[in-house]
Each structure stands twice: as structure tokens, then as C-alpha cells.
């Protein structure tokens, strides 16, 4: 745990709640947090963060369509 954050738990929560993250504000907030968490997790676990970032970025772009 770093800075009071359990990065693995946070990644799990984002994964579980992905379908509920729908507004531009929610997506941007989670993306900011994921970028921070990405730096905290060991390299072998960064794939999950990268995947979530990519999925949320796609969701954000779809709001522009």
C-alpha cells in the first residue's frame, strides 16, 4: 500500500464498476487516478491498468460522436 491507496484494490473496483463510469467527468477522474495507480503497481501488473485506461479512453471518445 502506498500513500494510503491499495492500487490492486482500486484496479479491481474500476474493473467491477466499469459499466457505471459513463460521464465525461467520471471518466476523466478515473483516468487521472489510473495514471497515478499505474506508477504504483509492479510492471507485471501494469497491463490491467493499461487495459482500463484504453477502454475508458475509447468510452470518452465515443461521447464525442
N, C-alpha and C. Protein backbone atom coordinates (compact mmCIF):
# COMPACT_ATOMS: atom_id res chain seq x y z
N UNK A 1 0.85 -1.17 0.00
CA UNK A 1 0.00 0.00 0.00
C UNK A 1 0.90 1.23 0.00
N UNK A 2 0.60 2.20 -0.87
CA UNK A 2 1.37 3.44 -0.95
C UNK A 2 0.43 4.63 -0.83
N UNK A 3 0.82 5.60 -0.03
CA UNK A 3 0.01 6.82 0.15
C UNK A 3 -1.42 6.51 0.56
N UNK A 4 -1.64 5.41 1.30
CA UNK A 4 -2.97 5.07 1.75
C UNK A 4 -3.85 4.45 0.68
N UNK A 5 -3.28 4.15 -0.48
CA UNK A 5 -4.04 3.58 -1.59
C UNK A 5 -3.57 2.16 -1.84
N UNK A 6 -4.52 1.26 -1.97
CA UNK A 6 -4.20 -0.11 -2.37
C UNK A 6 -4.45 -0.16 -3.88
N UNK A 7 -3.38 -0.07 -4.68
CA UNK A 7 -3.56 0.02 -6.13
C UNK A 7 -4.28 -1.18 -6.74
N UNK A 8 -4.04 -2.36 -6.20
CA UNK A 8 -4.70 -3.54 -6.74
C UNK A 8 -6.19 -3.53 -6.44
N UNK A 9 -6.55 -3.09 -5.26
CA UNK A 9 -7.97 -2.98 -4.90
C UNK A 9 -8.64 -1.93 -5.78
N UNK A 10 -7.95 -0.83 -6.03
CA UNK A 10 -8.52 0.22 -6.87
C UNK A 10 -8.75 -0.30 -8.29
N UNK A 11 -7.78 -1.01 -8.84
CA UNK A 11 -7.95 -1.58 -10.19
C UNK A 11 -9.14 -2.54 -10.21
N UNK A 12 -9.29 -3.31 -9.17
CA UNK A 12 -10.42 -4.24 -9.08
C UNK A 12 -11.74 -3.47 -9.04
N UNK A 13 -11.80 -2.41 -8.26
CA UNK A 13 -13.02 -1.61 -8.16
C UNK A 13 -13.38 -0.98 -9.50
N UNK A 14 -12.39 -0.45 -10.21
CA UNK A 14 -12.66 0.15 -11.51
C UNK A 14 -13.16 -0.92 -12.48
N UNK A 15 -12.54 -2.09 -12.45
CA UNK A 15 -12.99 -3.18 -13.33
C UNK A 15 -14.43 -3.57 -13.03
N UNK A 16 -14.75 -3.69 -11.75
CA UNK A 16 -16.10 -4.09 -11.36
C UNK A 16 -17.15 -3.03 -11.69
N UNK A 17 -16.76 -1.77 -11.64
CA UNK A 17 -17.70 -0.67 -11.84
C UNK A 17 -17.59 -0.01 -13.21
N UNK A 18 -16.87 -0.63 -14.11
CA UNK A 18 -16.62 -0.04 -15.43
C UNK A 18 -17.90 0.42 -16.12
N UNK A 19 -18.92 -0.40 -16.09
CA UNK A 19 -20.18 -0.08 -16.78
C UNK A 19 -20.89 1.12 -16.16
N UNK A 20 -20.56 1.46 -14.92
CA UNK A 20 -21.20 2.58 -14.23
C UNK A 20 -20.48 3.91 -14.45
N UNK A 21 -19.30 3.86 -15.05
CA UNK A 21 -18.50 5.06 -15.30
C UNK A 21 -18.86 5.56 -16.69
N UNK A 22 -19.72 6.58 -16.76
CA UNK A 22 -20.29 6.95 -18.05
C UNK A 22 -20.17 8.42 -18.43
N UNK A 23 -20.05 9.31 -17.47
CA UNK A 23 -19.99 10.72 -17.83
C UNK A 23 -18.55 11.14 -18.09
N UNK A 24 -18.40 12.22 -18.81
CA UNK A 24 -17.07 12.76 -19.11
C UNK A 24 -16.31 13.04 -17.81
N UNK A 25 -17.00 13.60 -16.82
CA UNK A 25 -16.37 13.93 -15.54
C UNK A 25 -15.90 12.67 -14.81
N UNK A 26 -16.75 11.66 -14.79
CA UNK A 26 -16.39 10.40 -14.12
C UNK A 26 -15.20 9.74 -14.82
N UNK A 27 -15.27 9.68 -16.14
CA UNK A 27 -14.21 9.04 -16.91
C UNK A 27 -12.89 9.77 -16.70
N UNK A 28 -12.90 11.09 -16.80
CA UNK A 28 -11.67 11.86 -16.62
C UNK A 28 -11.09 11.68 -15.22
N UNK A 29 -11.95 11.66 -14.21
CA UNK A 29 -11.48 11.47 -12.83
C UNK A 29 -10.82 10.10 -12.66
N UNK A 30 -11.45 9.07 -13.20
CA UNK A 30 -10.90 7.72 -13.08
C UNK A 30 -9.60 7.61 -13.89
N UNK A 31 -9.56 8.22 -15.07
CA UNK A 31 -8.32 8.19 -15.86
C UNK A 31 -7.17 8.84 -15.10
N UNK A 32 -7.43 9.96 -14.45
CA UNK A 32 -6.39 10.62 -13.65
C UNK A 32 -5.90 9.70 -12.54
N UNK A 33 -6.83 9.05 -11.87
CA UNK A 33 -6.47 8.14 -10.78
C UNK A 33 -5.71 6.92 -11.29
N UNK A 34 -6.12 6.41 -12.44
CA UNK A 34 -5.44 5.25 -13.02
C UNK A 34 -4.01 5.57 -13.40
N UNK A 35 -3.77 6.78 -13.90
CA UNK A 35 -2.40 7.17 -14.24
C UNK A 35 -1.53 7.18 -12.99
N UNK A 36 -2.08 7.62 -11.87
CA UNK A 36 -1.36 7.60 -10.60
C UNK A 36 -1.11 6.17 -10.15
N UNK A 37 -2.15 5.35 -10.19
CA UNK A 37 -2.05 3.96 -9.76
C UNK A 37 -1.06 3.19 -10.63
N UNK A 38 -1.02 3.50 -11.92
CA UNK A 38 -0.10 2.85 -12.85
C UNK A 38 1.33 2.92 -12.33
N UNK A 39 1.69 4.06 -11.77
CA UNK A 39 3.05 4.26 -11.24
C UNK A 39 3.30 3.45 -9.97
N UNK A 40 2.26 3.06 -9.27
CA UNK A 40 2.40 2.35 -8.00
C UNK A 40 2.52 0.84 -8.15
N UNK A 41 1.93 0.29 -9.21
CA UNK A 41 1.92 -1.17 -9.35
C UNK A 41 3.20 -1.65 -10.01
N UNK A 42 3.53 -2.88 -9.70
CA UNK A 42 4.71 -3.50 -10.29
C UNK A 42 4.48 -3.69 -11.78
N UNK A 43 5.56 -3.65 -12.57
CA UNK A 43 5.43 -3.73 -14.04
C UNK A 43 4.57 -4.88 -14.54
N UNK A 44 4.65 -6.04 -13.90
CA UNK A 44 3.87 -7.18 -14.38
C UNK A 44 2.37 -7.00 -14.19
N UNK A 45 1.97 -6.01 -13.40
CA UNK A 45 0.54 -5.76 -13.17
C UNK A 45 0.05 -4.51 -13.90
N UNK A 46 0.93 -3.85 -14.63
CA UNK A 46 0.55 -2.62 -15.31
C UNK A 46 -0.36 -2.88 -16.51
N UNK A 47 -0.38 -4.11 -17.01
CA UNK A 47 -1.25 -4.42 -18.15
C UNK A 47 -2.72 -4.17 -17.83
N UNK A 48 -3.15 -4.50 -16.62
CA UNK A 48 -4.55 -4.27 -16.24
C UNK A 48 -4.86 -2.78 -16.25
N UNK A 49 -3.96 -1.99 -15.69
CA UNK A 49 -4.16 -0.54 -15.69
C UNK A 49 -4.18 0.00 -17.12
N UNK A 50 -3.27 -0.48 -17.95
CA UNK A 50 -3.21 -0.05 -19.35
C UNK A 50 -4.50 -0.40 -20.08
N UNK A 51 -5.02 -1.59 -19.83
CA UNK A 51 -6.27 -2.02 -20.46
C UNK A 51 -7.44 -1.14 -20.03
N UNK A 52 -7.53 -0.85 -18.76
CA UNK A 52 -8.61 0.01 -18.27
C UNK A 52 -8.49 1.42 -18.82
N UNK A 53 -7.28 1.94 -18.90
CA UNK A 53 -7.06 3.28 -19.47
C UNK A 53 -7.52 3.30 -20.92
N UNK A 54 -7.16 2.27 -21.69
CA UNK A 54 -7.55 2.21 -23.10
C UNK A 54 -9.07 2.13 -23.25
N UNK A 55 -9.71 1.30 -22.43
CA UNK A 55 -11.16 1.15 -22.52
C UNK A 55 -11.88 2.44 -22.16
N UNK A 56 -11.40 3.11 -21.12
CA UNK A 56 -12.04 4.37 -20.71
C UNK A 56 -11.78 5.48 -21.71
N UNK A 57 -10.60 5.49 -22.31
CA UNK A 57 -10.29 6.48 -23.35
C UNK A 57 -11.22 6.28 -24.54
N UNK A 58 -11.46 5.04 -24.92
CA UNK A 58 -12.39 4.74 -26.01
C UNK A 58 -13.79 5.21 -25.65
N UNK A 59 -14.20 4.93 -24.43
CA UNK A 59 -15.53 5.35 -23.97
C UNK A 59 -15.65 6.88 -24.01
N UNK A 60 -14.59 7.57 -23.62
CA UNK A 60 -14.57 9.03 -23.64
C UNK A 60 -14.69 9.55 -25.08
N UNK A 61 -13.97 8.94 -26.00
CA UNK A 61 -14.03 9.35 -27.41
C UNK A 61 -15.42 9.13 -27.98
N UNK A 62 -16.10 8.08 -27.54
CA UNK A 62 -17.44 7.79 -28.04
C UNK A 62 -18.44 8.85 -27.61
N UNK A 63 -18.15 9.53 -26.52
CA UNK A 63 -19.03 10.62 -26.09
C UNK A 63 -18.99 11.79 -27.07
N UNK A 64 -17.90 11.90 -27.82
CA UNK A 64 -17.75 12.97 -28.80
C UNK A 64 -18.50 12.68 -30.10
N UNK A 65 -18.82 11.41 -30.31
CA UNK A 65 -19.52 11.03 -31.56
C UNK A 65 -20.98 11.41 -31.54
